[in-house]
Amino acid sequence: MAGHSKWANIKHKKEKTDAKRGKIFTKLGREIAIAVKSGGADPSSNAKLRDVIAKAKANNMPNDTIKNSIKKAAGEVDLTQYEEIVYEGYGPSGVAVIVEALTDNRNRTAADVRHYFDKFGGNLGTSGCVSFMFDQKGQIIIEKTSSIDEDTLMMSSIETGAEDFISEDDYFEILTAPADFSTIRESLEGEGYEFISAEITMIPQTMTELKDEDSIKLMEKLIDNLEDLDDVQNIYHNWEQE
């Protein structure tokens, strides 16, 4: 699996997170609300909530904001019923794209997502048209620092059940089965490791390189505009960004 996740992609995503922090926090707040409604407001007995909290912390969401989101969700009796929907399609030059949304109006969201696929050189497909090209995995990214011993981290990861440990130039990537993600993440967190990213994600099996400038610009615009949609929570693709 080594090489499927590129630091350029992660760095690009992190920079966008920094630039659009308020929108990211709003979307994370929605994920927290869904987790609270499905399993309660106590993280100790709600694994899904613990995972969302870890994701929020990796995105630099302040602890007070996280706590307030949990309290708000727990206190809302008539929370809008959001529906989880996954859209699949192709970007410019056949790049595979998966869009995960939380929406209270599926017609609005479908129309918005389709509009941007059409506008920026792609096309929205049917369910399953590209998801077979991805593997669902727990993914933990830890930045390389002088205080982290690679062998110690690797042994800790493998001993708790990680499927793969990858050492890149600037970061370590730990991949897990989705069912094992929470246990491994919590174990590493307990050992004091901090995460750049920690979430269950979709890892592309192969990458697609865009060589012409027009396709690259269209793909960037497609991702940017989809990310700006309030209903869109996550976007996965197999574009190999430089």
C-alpha atoms as a PDB file:
ATOM      1  CA  MET A   1       0.000   0.000   0.000  1.00  0.00           C
ATOM      2  CA  ALA A   2       2.990   2.297   0.330  1.00  0.00           C
ATOM      3  CA  GLY A   3       2.748   5.286  -1.959  1.00  0.00           C
ATOM      4  CA  HIS A   4      -1.044   5.454  -2.172  1.00  0.00           C
ATOM      5  CA  SER A   5      -1.186   8.423   0.157  1.00  0.00           C
ATOM      6  CA  LYS A   6       1.009  11.340  -0.822  1.00  0.00           C
ATOM      7  CA  TRP A   7       2.144  14.079   1.538  1.00  0.00           C
ATOM      8  CA  ALA A   8       1.296  16.630  -1.162  1.00  0.00           C
ATOM      9  CA  ASN A   9      -2.345  15.566  -0.977  1.00  0.00           C
ATOM     10  CA  ILE A  10      -2.402  15.698   2.817  1.00  0.00           C
ATOM     11  CA  LYS A  11      -0.518  19.002   2.937  1.00  0.00           C
ATOM     12  CA  HIS A  12      -2.891  20.449   0.330  1.00  0.00           C
ATOM     13  CA  LYS A  13      -5.850  19.355   2.427  1.00  0.00           C
ATOM     14  CA  LYS A  14      -4.337  20.742   5.626  1.00  0.00           C
ATOM     15  CA  GLU A  15      -3.641  24.121   4.009  1.00  0.00           C
ATOM     16  CA  LYS A  16      -7.248  24.279   2.857  1.00  0.00           C
ATOM     17  CA  THR A  17      -8.342  23.379   6.369  1.00  0.00           C
ATOM     18  CA  ASP A  18      -6.333  26.271   7.780  1.00  0.00           C
ATOM     19  CA  ALA A  19      -7.804  28.660   5.223  1.00  0.00           C
ATOM     20  CA  LYS A  20     -11.392  27.556   5.823  1.00  0.00           C
ATOM     21  CA  ARG A  21     -11.303  26.759   9.500  1.00  0.00           C
ATOM     22  CA  GLY A  22     -14.739  28.150  10.327  1.00  0.00           C
ATOM     23  CA  LYS A  23     -16.453  26.018   7.679  1.00  0.00           C
ATOM     24  CA  ILE A  24     -14.489  22.940   8.731  1.00  0.00           C
ATOM     25  CA  PHE A  25     -15.507  23.442  12.373  1.00  0.00           C
ATOM     26  CA  THR A  26     -19.153  23.747  11.337  1.00  0.00           C
ATOM     27  CA  LYS A  27     -18.948  20.436   9.461  1.00  0.00           C
ATOM     28  CA  LEU A  28     -17.170  18.749  12.364  1.00  0.00           C
ATOM     29  CA  GLY A  29     -19.848  20.085  14.695  1.00  0.00           C
ATOM     30  CA  ARG A  30     -22.432  18.373  12.519  1.00  0.00           C
ATOM     31  CA  GLU A  31     -20.497  15.083  12.700  1.00  0.00           C
ATOM     32  CA  ILE A  32     -20.334  15.441  16.488  1.00  0.00           C
ATOM     33  CA  ALA A  33     -24.088  16.030  16.605  1.00  0.00           C
ATOM     34  CA  ILE A  34     -24.780  12.909  14.536  1.00  0.00           C
ATOM     35  CA  ALA A  35     -22.472  10.852  16.777  1.00  0.00           C
ATOM     36  CA  VAL A  36     -24.143  12.168  19.946  1.00  0.00           C
ATOM     37  CA  LYS A  37     -27.623  11.441  18.633  1.00  0.00           C
ATOM     38  CA  SER A  38     -26.658   7.902  17.633  1.00  0.00           C
ATOM     39  CA  GLY A  39     -24.735   6.895  20.753  1.00  0.00           C
ATOM     40  CA  GLY A  40     -25.043   9.486  23.498  1.00  0.00           C
ATOM     41  CA  ALA A  41     -22.980  12.427  24.766  1.00  0.00           C
ATOM     42  CA  ASP A  42     -20.510  10.415  26.846  1.00  0.00           C
ATOM     43  CA  PRO A  43     -17.355   9.681  24.814  1.00  0.00           C
ATOM     44  CA  SER A  44     -16.363   6.853  27.165  1.00  0.00           C
ATOM     45  CA  SER A  45     -19.343   4.806  26.005  1.00  0.00           C
ATOM     46  CA  ASN A  46     -19.607   6.152  22.436  1.00  0.00           C
ATOM     47  CA  ALA A  47     -16.755   4.987  20.190  1.00  0.00           C
ATOM     48  CA  LYS A  48     -18.046   6.924  17.185  1.00  0.00           C
ATOM     49  CA  LEU A  49     -18.017  10.144  19.212  1.00  0.00           C
ATOM     50  CA  ARG A  50     -14.463   9.428  20.410  1.00  0.00           C
ATOM     51  CA  ASP A  51     -13.351   9.028  16.801  1.00  0.00           C
ATOM     52  CA  VAL A  52     -15.010  12.278  15.721  1.00  0.00           C
ATOM     53  CA  ILE A  53     -13.420  14.091  18.673  1.00  0.00           C
ATOM     54  CA  ALA A  54      -9.999  12.771  17.591  1.00  0.00           C
ATOM     55  CA  LYS A  55     -10.677  13.965  14.039  1.00  0.00           C
ATOM     56  CA  ALA A  56     -11.714  17.376  15.385  1.00  0.00           C
ATOM     57  CA  LYS A  57      -8.547  17.662  17.483  1.00  0.00           C
ATOM     58  CA  ALA A  58      -6.400  16.727  14.471  1.00  0.00           C
ATOM     59  CA  ASN A  59      -8.070  19.638  12.670  1.00  0.00           C
ATOM     60  CA  ASN A  60      -7.124  21.970  15.563  1.00  0.00           C
ATOM     61  CA  MET A  61     -10.671  22.391  16.811  1.00  0.00           C
ATOM     62  CA  PRO A  62     -10.432  23.886  20.335  1.00  0.00           C
ATOM     63  CA  ASN A  63     -11.488  21.665  23.237  1.00  0.00           C
ATOM     64  CA  ASP A  64     -14.066  24.214  24.373  1.00  0.00           C
ATOM     65  CA  THR A  65     -15.636  24.219  20.916  1.00  0.00           C
ATOM     66  CA  ILE A  66     -15.770  20.416  20.926  1.00  0.00           C
ATOM     67  CA  LYS A  67     -17.382  20.355  24.384  1.00  0.00           C
ATOM     68  CA  ASN A  68     -19.908  23.014  23.391  1.00  0.00           C
ATOM     69  CA  SER A  69     -20.827  21.050  20.261  1.00  0.00           C
ATOM     70  CA  ILE A  70     -21.455  17.935  22.362  1.00  0.00           C
ATOM     71  CA  LYS A  71     -23.550  19.874  24.908  1.00  0.00           C
ATOM     72  CA  LYS A  72     -25.538  21.543  22.141  1.00  0.00           C
ATOM     73  CA  ALA A  73     -26.262  18.231  20.430  1.00  0.00           C
ATOM     74  CA  ALA A  74     -27.220  16.556  23.712  1.00  0.00           C
ATOM     75  CA  GLY A  75     -29.608  19.382  24.570  1.00  0.00           C
ATOM     76  CA  GLU A  76     -31.379  19.579  21.240  1.00  0.00           C
ATOM     77  CA  VAL A  77     -34.474  17.436  21.279  1.00  0.00           C
ATOM     78  CA  ASP A  78     -35.569  18.293  17.750  1.00  0.00           C
ATOM     79  CA  LEU A  79     -32.246  18.221  15.911  1.00  0.00           C
ATOM     80  CA  THR A  80     -32.676  18.399  12.154  1.00  0.00           C
ATOM     81  CA  GLN A  81     -32.584  14.873  10.830  1.00  0.00           C
ATOM     82  CA  TYR A  82     -29.579  14.744   8.568  1.00  0.00           C
ATOM     83  CA  GLU A  83     -29.237  11.957   6.036  1.00  0.00           C
ATOM     84  CA  GLU A  84     -25.891  10.477   5.051  1.00  0.00           C
ATOM     85  CA  ILE A  85     -25.534  10.229   1.273  1.00  0.00           C
ATOM     86  CA  VAL A  86     -22.556   9.186  -0.859  1.00  0.00           C
ATOM     87  CA  TYR A  87     -22.131  10.428  -4.430  1.00  0.00           C
ATOM     88  CA  GLU A  88     -19.701   8.912  -6.912  1.00  0.00           C
ATOM     89  CA  GLY A  89     -18.433  10.221 -10.208  1.00  0.00           C
ATOM     90  CA  TYR A  90     -15.531  11.185 -12.425  1.00  0.00           C
ATOM     91  CA  GLY A  91     -13.568  14.399 -12.557  1.00  0.00           C
ATOM     92  CA  PRO A  92     -11.543  15.643 -15.547  1.00  0.00           C
ATOM     93  CA  SER A  93      -9.654  12.912 -17.439  1.00  0.00           C
ATOM     94  CA  GLY A  94     -11.413  10.166 -15.496  1.00  0.00           C
ATOM     95  CA  VAL A  95     -10.252  10.984 -11.959  1.00  0.00           C
ATOM     96  CA  ALA A  96     -12.386   8.932  -9.553  1.00  0.00           C
ATOM     97  CA  VAL A  97     -14.245  11.054  -6.984  1.00  0.00           C
ATOM     98  CA  ILE A  98     -16.335  10.105  -3.934  1.00  0.00           C
ATOM     99  CA  VAL A  99     -18.349  12.772  -2.113  1.00  0.00           C
ATOM    100  CA  GLU A 100     -19.815  12.132   1.346  1.00  0.00           C
ATOM    101  CA  ALA A 101     -22.631  14.434   2.425  1.00  0.00           C
ATOM    102  CA  LEU A 102     -24.842  15.047   5.440  1.00  0.00           C
ATOM    103  CA  THR A 103     -28.029  16.739   4.286  1.00  0.00           C
ATOM    104  CA  ASP A 104     -31.548  17.599   5.347  1.00  0.00           C
ATOM    105  CA  ASN A 105     -32.555  18.033   1.682  1.00  0.00           C
ATOM    106  CA  ARG A 106     -31.260  15.345  -0.663  1.00  0.00           C
ATOM    107  CA  ASN A 107     -32.712  17.027  -3.771  1.00  0.00           C
ATOM    108  CA  ARG A 108     -30.816  20.259  -3.070  1.00  0.00           C
ATOM    109  CA  THR A 109     -27.567  18.452  -2.350  1.00  0.00           C
ATOM    110  CA  ALA A 110     -27.784  16.193  -5.401  1.00  0.00           C
ATOM    111  CA  ALA A 111     -28.451  19.194  -7.644  1.00  0.00           C
ATOM    112  CA  ASP A 112     -25.511  21.155  -6.174  1.00  0.00           C
ATOM    113  CA  VAL A 113     -23.075  18.243  -6.464  1.00  0.00           C
ATOM    114  CA  ARG A 114     -24.170  17.438 -10.023  1.00  0.00           C
ATOM    115  CA  HIS A 115     -23.850  21.090 -11.019  1.00  0.00           C
ATOM    116  CA  TYR A 116     -20.175  21.246 -10.062  1.00  0.00           C
ATOM    117  CA  PHE A 117     -19.320  17.916 -11.670  1.00  0.00           C
ATOM    118  CA  ASP A 118     -20.879  19.156 -14.908  1.00  0.00           C
ATOM    119  CA  LYS A 119     -19.328  22.627 -14.676  1.00  0.00           C
ATOM    120  CA  PHE A 120     -15.757  21.465 -14.129  1.00  0.00           C
ATOM    121  CA  GLY A 121     -15.312  18.721 -16.684  1.00  0.00           C
ATOM    122  CA  GLY A 122     -16.654  15.724 -14.798  1.00  0.00           C
ATOM    123  CA  ASN A 123     -19.814  13.706 -14.558  1.00  0.00           C
ATOM    124  CA  LEU A 124     -21.783  12.313 -11.647  1.00  0.00           C
ATOM    125  CA  GLY A 125     -22.173   8.540 -11.865  1.00  0.00           C
ATOM    126  CA  THR A 126     -24.258   5.857 -10.231  1.00  0.00           C
ATOM    127  CA  SER A 127     -23.675   4.294  -6.830  1.00  0.00           C
ATOM    128  CA  GLY A 128     -20.699   1.931  -7.000  1.00  0.00           C
ATOM    129  CA  CYS A 129     -19.204   3.331 -10.199  1.00  0.00           C
ATOM    130  CA  VAL A 130     -15.886   4.282  -8.549  1.00  0.00           C
ATOM    131  CA  SER A 131     -16.022   3.049  -4.930  1.00  0.00           C
ATOM    132  CA  PHE A 132     -14.612  -0.332  -6.001  1.00  0.00           C
ATOM    133  CA  MET A 133     -11.376   1.548  -6.797  1.00  0.00           C
ATOM    134  CA  PHE A 134     -10.951   2.520  -3.128  1.00  0.00           C
ATOM    135  CA  ASP A 135     -10.388   0.636   0.133  1.00  0.00           C
ATOM    136  CA  GLN A 136     -12.007   1.867   3.333  1.00  0.00           C
ATOM    137  CA  LYS A 137      -9.293   2.112   5.971  1.00  0.00           C
ATOM    138  CA  GLY A 138      -8.542   3.754   9.259  1.00  0.00           C
ATOM    139  CA  GLN A 139      -5.707   6.181   8.587  1.00  0.00           C
ATOM    140  CA  ILE A 140      -3.480   7.883  11.139  1.00  0.00           C
ATOM    141  CA  ILE A 141      -0.885  10.438  10.045  1.00  0.00           C
ATOM    142  CA  ILE A 142       1.881  11.436  12.461  1.00  0.00           C
ATOM    143  CA  GLU A 143       4.428  14.090  11.571  1.00  0.00           C
ATOM    144  CA  LYS A 144       8.072  13.045  11.799  1.00  0.00           C
ATOM    145  CA  THR A 145       9.910  14.827  14.601  1.00  0.00           C
ATOM    146  CA  SER A 146      13.202  14.251  16.400  1.00  0.00           C
ATOM    147  CA  SER A 147      11.304  13.088  19.496  1.00  0.00           C
ATOM    148  CA  ILE A 148       9.628  10.157  17.724  1.00  0.00           C
ATOM    149  CA  ASP A 149      11.526   6.883  17.400  1.00  0.00           C
ATOM    150  CA  GLU A 150      10.392   5.149  14.226  1.00  0.00           C
ATOM    151  CA  ASP A 151      10.968   1.602  15.472  1.00  0.00           C
ATOM    152  CA  THR A 152       9.055   2.236  18.699  1.00  0.00           C
ATOM    153  CA  LEU A 153       6.102   3.747  16.842  1.00  0.00           C
ATOM    154  CA  MET A 154       6.107   0.946  14.292  1.00  0.00           C
ATOM    155  CA  MET A 155       6.114  -1.763  16.983  1.00  0.00           C
ATOM    156  CA  SER A 156       3.353   0.001  18.936  1.00  0.00           C
ATOM    157  CA  SER A 157       1.243   0.203  15.780  1.00  0.00           C
ATOM    158  CA  ILE A 158       1.767  -3.388  14.689  1.00  0.00           C
ATOM    159  CA  GLU A 159       1.310  -4.855  18.169  1.00  0.00           C
ATOM    160  CA  THR A 160      -2.097  -3.179  18.480  1.00  0.00           C
ATOM    161  CA  GLY A 161      -3.217  -4.576  15.108  1.00  0.00           C
ATOM    162  CA  ALA A 162      -2.293  -2.063  12.398  1.00  0.00           C
ATOM    163  CA  GLU A 163      -2.345  -3.484   8.868  1.00  0.00           C
ATOM    164  CA  ASP A 164       0.434  -1.319   7.476  1.00  0.00           C
ATOM    165  CA  PHE A 165       3.075   1.118   8.686  1.00  0.00           C
ATOM    166  CA  ILE A 166       4.570   3.457   6.095  1.00  0.00           C
ATOM    167  CA  SER A 167       7.483   5.811   6.636  1.00  0.00           C
ATOM    168  CA  GLU A 168       7.580   8.724   4.187  1.00  0.00           C
ATOM    169  CA  ASP A 169       9.918  11.710   4.077  1.00  0.00           C
ATOM    170  CA  ASP A 170       7.912  13.931   6.423  1.00  0.00           C
ATOM    171  CA  TYR A 171       5.381  11.686   8.114  1.00  0.00           C
ATOM    172  CA  PHE A 172       4.388   8.225   9.268  1.00  0.00           C
ATOM    173  CA  GLU A 173       1.194   6.676   7.933  1.00  0.00           C
ATOM    174  CA  ILE A 174      -0.577   3.933   9.868  1.00  0.00           C
ATOM    175  CA  LEU A 175      -3.383   2.022   8.151  1.00  0.00           C
ATOM    176  CA  THR A 176      -5.925  -0.116   9.981  1.00  0.00           C
ATOM    177  CA  ALA A 177      -9.048  -2.108   9.313  1.00  0.00           C
ATOM    178  CA  PRO A 178     -12.042   0.177  10.018  1.00  0.00           C
ATOM    179  CA  ALA A 179     -13.119  -2.032  12.929  1.00  0.00           C
ATOM    180  CA  ASP A 180      -9.685  -1.727  14.576  1.00  0.00           C
ATOM    181  CA  PHE A 181      -9.235   2.010  14.050  1.00  0.00           C
ATOM    182  CA  SER A 182     -10.612   3.218  17.390  1.00  0.00           C
ATOM    183  CA  THR A 183      -8.545   0.758  19.448  1.00  0.00           C
ATOM    184  CA  ILE A 184      -5.292   1.566  17.647  1.00  0.00           C
ATOM    185  CA  ARG A 185      -5.898   5.319  17.635  1.00  0.00           C
ATOM    186  CA  GLU A 186      -6.691   5.351  21.352  1.00  0.00           C
ATOM    187  CA  SER A 187      -3.645   3.225  22.144  1.00  0.00           C
ATOM    188  CA  LEU A 188      -1.300   5.579  20.282  1.00  0.00           C
ATOM    189  CA  GLU A 189      -3.028   8.603  21.790  1.00  0.00           C
ATOM    190  CA  GLY A 190      -2.478   7.078  25.222  1.00  0.00           C
ATOM    191  CA  GLU A 191       1.231   6.793  24.462  1.00  0.00           C
ATOM    192  CA  GLY A 192       1.336  10.537  23.813  1.00  0.00           C
ATOM    193  CA  TYR A 193       1.409  10.641  20.020  1.00  0.00           C
ATOM    194  CA  GLU A 194      -0.258  13.595  18.297  1.00  0.00           C
ATOM    195  CA  PHE A 195      -1.941  13.233  14.925  1.00  0.00           C
ATOM    196  CA  ILE A 196      -2.000  15.420  11.837  1.00  0.00           C
ATOM    197  CA  SER A 197      -4.947  13.350  10.714  1.00  0.00           C
ATOM    198  CA  ALA A 198      -6.906  10.496  12.291  1.00  0.00           C
ATOM    199  CA  GLU A 199     -10.027   9.212  10.585  1.00  0.00           C
ATOM    200  CA  ILE A 200     -11.660   6.421   8.645  1.00  0.00           C
ATOM    201  CA  THR A 201     -11.099   7.282   5.018  1.00  0.00           C
ATOM    202  CA  MET A 202     -11.114   5.912   1.480  1.00  0.00           C
ATOM    203  CA  ILE A 203      -7.668   4.984   0.150  1.00  0.00           C
ATOM    204  CA  PRO A 204      -7.369   4.792  -3.660  1.00  0.00           C
ATOM    205  CA  GLN A 205      -5.923   1.554  -5.011  1.00  0.00           C
ATOM    206  CA  THR A 206      -4.277   3.371  -7.926  1.00  0.00           C
ATOM    207  CA  MET A 207      -3.578   7.040  -8.616  1.00  0.00           C
ATOM    208  CA  THR A 208      -4.387   9.120 -11.706  1.00  0.00           C
ATOM    209  CA  GLU A 209      -1.950  11.774 -12.876  1.00  0.00           C
ATOM    210  CA  LEU A 210      -3.201  14.861 -14.691  1.00  0.00           C
ATOM    211  CA  LYS A 211      -0.636  16.199 -17.131  1.00  0.00           C
ATOM    212  CA  ASP A 212      -2.341  19.098 -18.899  1.00  0.00           C
ATOM    213  CA  GLU A 213      -2.837  22.412 -17.132  1.00  0.00           C
ATOM    214  CA  ASP A 214      -6.517  22.730 -18.073  1.00  0.00           C
ATOM    215  CA  SER A 215      -7.439  19.418 -16.433  1.00  0.00           C
ATOM    216  CA  ILE A 216      -5.459  20.315 -13.310  1.00  0.00           C
ATOM    217  CA  LYS A 217      -7.248  23.668 -12.987  1.00  0.00           C
ATOM    218  CA  LEU A 218     -10.649  22.065 -13.530  1.00  0.00           C
ATOM    219  CA  MET A 219      -9.926  19.390 -10.913  1.00  0.00           C
ATOM    220  CA  GLU A 220      -8.819  22.023  -8.391  1.00  0.00           C
ATOM    221  CA  LYS A 221     -12.005  24.018  -9.021  1.00  0.00           C
ATOM    222  CA  LEU A 222     -14.157  20.902  -8.702  1.00  0.00           C
ATOM    223  CA  ILE A 223     -12.651  20.045  -5.310  1.00  0.00           C
ATOM    224  CA  ASP A 224     -12.752  23.651  -4.076  1.00  0.00           C
ATOM    225  CA  ASN A 225     -16.397  24.156  -5.006  1.00  0.00           C
ATOM    226  CA  LEU A 226     -17.517  20.805  -3.599  1.00  0.00           C
ATOM    227  CA  GLU A 227     -15.688  21.582  -0.329  1.00  0.00           C
ATOM    228  CA  ASP A 228     -17.520  24.905  -0.136  1.00  0.00           C
ATOM    229  CA  LEU A 229     -20.911  23.184  -0.114  1.00  0.00           C
ATOM    230  CA  ASP A 230     -22.277  23.136   3.433  1.00  0.00           C
ATOM    231  CA  ASP A 231     -23.732  19.661   2.943  1.00  0.00           C
ATOM    232  CA  VAL A 232     -20.450  18.062   1.836  1.00  0.00           C
ATOM    233  CA  GLN A 233     -18.453  16.461   4.655  1.00  0.00           C
ATOM    234  CA  ASN A 234     -15.644  14.580   2.892  1.00  0.00           C
ATOM    235  CA  ILE A 235     -14.208  14.278  -0.605  1.00  0.00           C
ATOM    236  CA  TYR A 236     -11.995  11.391  -1.726  1.00  0.00           C
ATOM    237  CA  HIS A 237     -10.264  11.113  -5.088  1.00  0.00           C
ATOM    238  CA  ASN A 238      -7.374   9.329  -6.785  1.00  0.00           C
ATOM    239  CA  TRP A 239      -5.758  12.405  -8.339  1.00  0.00           C
ATOM    240  CA  GLU A 240      -2.024  12.315  -7.706  1.00  0.00           C
ATOM    241  CA  GLN A 241      -1.185  15.908  -6.924  1.00  0.00           C
ATOM    242  CA  GLU A 242       2.396  17.107  -7.230  1.00  0.00           C
END
